[in-house]
Amino acid sequence: MIPTMLLFGLVFGRWWKTCLAVGTVGWPLLLWLDNIVESPIEIFGAAGLAALNTVVGVAIHQSLLHLFRWLRKNRRTPDQAAA
């Protein structure tokens, strides 16, 4: 579960709100459809862990996105800096 939801957050982290909603609902639904979890407590636990792991993936994605934007902004040529 952990690598799956981390990868999901890393890949779709650009759309973080949708990603978190789909990860939080989708993973427990998948587990329930495969009869892996049955009780509501297990479903809520799976949803909480899915949300937590997706948040970590999204946070990594967003951090890298901001880092690349910051690096690109600071790579001005001398002609652009003088203007």
C-alpha atoms as a PDB file:
ATOM      1  CA  MET A   1       0.000   0.000   0.000  1.00  0.00           C
ATOM      2  CA  ILE A   2       2.655   2.517   0.966  1.00  0.00           C
ATOM      3  CA  PRO A   3       4.593   2.471  -2.325  1.00  0.00           C
ATOM      4  CA  THR A   4       1.380   2.464  -4.347  1.00  0.00           C
ATOM      5  CA  MET A   5      -0.068   5.539  -2.682  1.00  0.00           C
ATOM      6  CA  LEU A   6       3.293   7.343  -2.609  1.00  0.00           C
ATOM      7  CA  LEU A   7       3.642   6.745  -6.345  1.00  0.00           C
ATOM      8  CA  PHE A   8       0.060   7.886  -6.898  1.00  0.00           C
ATOM      9  CA  GLY A   9       0.797  11.133  -5.030  1.00  0.00           C
ATOM     10  CA  LEU A  10       4.079  11.623  -6.887  1.00  0.00           C
ATOM     11  CA  VAL A  11       2.526  11.133 -10.330  1.00  0.00           C
ATOM     12  CA  PHE A  12      -0.712  13.054  -9.820  1.00  0.00           C
ATOM     13  CA  GLY A  13       0.523  15.579  -7.247  1.00  0.00           C
ATOM     14  CA  ARG A  14       0.014  18.443  -9.686  1.00  0.00           C
ATOM     15  CA  TRP A  15      -3.723  18.190  -9.002  1.00  0.00           C
ATOM     16  CA  TRP A  16      -3.298  17.708  -5.274  1.00  0.00           C
ATOM     17  CA  LYS A  17      -6.881  18.215  -4.109  1.00  0.00           C
ATOM     18  CA  THR A  18      -8.303  15.689  -6.537  1.00  0.00           C
ATOM     19  CA  CYS A  19      -5.400  13.347  -5.897  1.00  0.00           C
ATOM     20  CA  LEU A  20      -5.992  13.343  -2.150  1.00  0.00           C
ATOM     21  CA  ALA A  21      -9.724  12.761  -2.551  1.00  0.00           C
ATOM     22  CA  VAL A  22      -9.283   9.914  -5.021  1.00  0.00           C
ATOM     23  CA  GLY A  23      -6.507   8.309  -2.970  1.00  0.00           C
ATOM     24  CA  THR A  24      -8.452   8.531   0.271  1.00  0.00           C
ATOM     25  CA  VAL A  25     -11.617   7.023  -1.205  1.00  0.00           C
ATOM     26  CA  GLY A  26     -10.178   4.815  -3.932  1.00  0.00           C
ATOM     27  CA  TRP A  27      -7.761   2.676  -1.937  1.00  0.00           C
ATOM     28  CA  PRO A  28     -10.264   1.565   0.747  1.00  0.00           C
ATOM     29  CA  LEU A  29     -12.848   0.972  -1.971  1.00  0.00           C
ATOM     30  CA  LEU A  30     -10.398  -1.271  -3.821  1.00  0.00           C
ATOM     31  CA  LEU A  31      -9.622  -3.169  -0.614  1.00  0.00           C
ATOM     32  CA  TRP A  32     -13.326  -3.548   0.151  1.00  0.00           C
ATOM     33  CA  LEU A  33     -14.134  -4.806  -3.358  1.00  0.00           C
ATOM     34  CA  ASP A  34     -11.368  -7.426  -3.036  1.00  0.00           C
ATOM     35  CA  ASN A  35     -12.795  -8.499   0.376  1.00  0.00           C
ATOM     36  CA  ILE A  36      -9.570  -7.576   2.154  1.00  0.00           C
ATOM     37  CA  VAL A  37     -11.292  -5.226   4.615  1.00  0.00           C
ATOM     38  CA  GLU A  38     -14.821  -5.721   5.868  1.00  0.00           C
ATOM     39  CA  SER A  39     -15.556  -3.731   9.002  1.00  0.00           C
ATOM     40  CA  PRO A  40     -16.061   0.035   9.017  1.00  0.00           C
ATOM     41  CA  ILE A  41     -13.106   0.443  11.376  1.00  0.00           C
ATOM     42  CA  GLU A  42     -10.812  -1.297   8.896  1.00  0.00           C
ATOM     43  CA  ILE A  43     -12.180   0.837   6.047  1.00  0.00           C
ATOM     44  CA  PHE A  44     -11.600   4.071   7.976  1.00  0.00           C
ATOM     45  CA  GLY A  45      -8.132   2.895   8.969  1.00  0.00           C
ATOM     46  CA  ALA A  46      -7.275   2.101   5.355  1.00  0.00           C
ATOM     47  CA  ALA A  47      -8.627   5.509   4.291  1.00  0.00           C
ATOM     48  CA  GLY A  48      -6.492   7.272   6.897  1.00  0.00           C
ATOM     49  CA  LEU A  49      -3.334   5.439   5.887  1.00  0.00           C
ATOM     50  CA  ALA A  50      -4.070   5.993   2.195  1.00  0.00           C
ATOM     51  CA  ALA A  51      -4.560   9.717   2.802  1.00  0.00           C
ATOM     52  CA  LEU A  52      -1.338   9.946   4.812  1.00  0.00           C
ATOM     53  CA  ASN A  53       0.745   8.136   2.187  1.00  0.00           C
ATOM     54  CA  THR A  54      -0.818  10.149  -0.636  1.00  0.00           C
ATOM     55  CA  VAL A  55      -0.031  13.389   1.226  1.00  0.00           C
ATOM     56  CA  VAL A  56       3.632  12.398   1.428  1.00  0.00           C
ATOM     57  CA  GLY A  57       3.745  11.723  -2.323  1.00  0.00           C
ATOM     58  CA  VAL A  58       1.967  14.994  -3.106  1.00  0.00           C
ATOM     59  CA  ALA A  59       4.298  16.915  -0.781  1.00  0.00           C
ATOM     60  CA  ILE A  60       7.346  15.514  -2.579  1.00  0.00           C
ATOM     61  CA  HIS A  61       5.818  16.363  -5.961  1.00  0.00           C
ATOM     62  CA  GLN A  62       4.919  19.913  -4.912  1.00  0.00           C
ATOM     63  CA  SER A  63       8.359  20.470  -3.340  1.00  0.00           C
ATOM     64  CA  LEU A  64      10.115  19.392  -6.518  1.00  0.00           C
ATOM     65  CA  LEU A  65       7.762  21.521  -8.607  1.00  0.00           C
ATOM     66  CA  HIS A  66       8.509  24.633  -6.535  1.00  0.00           C
ATOM     67  CA  LEU A  67      12.236  23.877  -6.558  1.00  0.00           C
ATOM     68  CA  PHE A  68      12.326  23.590 -10.368  1.00  0.00           C
ATOM     69  CA  ARG A  69      10.322  26.806 -10.749  1.00  0.00           C
ATOM     70  CA  TRP A  70      12.678  28.621  -8.373  1.00  0.00           C
ATOM     71  CA  LEU A  71      15.753  27.328 -10.203  1.00  0.00           C
ATOM     72  CA  ARG A  72      14.316  28.284 -13.583  1.00  0.00           C
ATOM     73  CA  LYS A  73      13.440  31.774 -12.348  1.00  0.00           C
ATOM     74  CA  ASN A  74      16.994  32.333 -11.079  1.00  0.00           C
ATOM     75  CA  ARG A  75      18.603  31.229 -14.361  1.00  0.00           C
ATOM     76  CA  ARG A  76      18.317  34.602 -16.040  1.00  0.00           C
ATOM     77  CA  THR A  77      20.772  35.597 -18.716  1.00  0.00           C
ATOM     78  CA  PRO A  78      22.816  38.793 -18.270  1.00  0.00           C
ATOM     79  CA  ASP A  79      20.651  40.539 -20.916  1.00  0.00           C
ATOM     80  CA  GLN A  80      17.475  39.781 -18.955  1.00  0.00           C
ATOM     81  CA  ALA A  81      18.997  40.907 -15.672  1.00  0.00           C
ATOM     82  CA  ALA A  82      19.996  44.288 -17.112  1.00  0.00           C
ATOM     83  CA  ALA A  83      16.511  45.023 -18.473  1.00  0.00           C
END
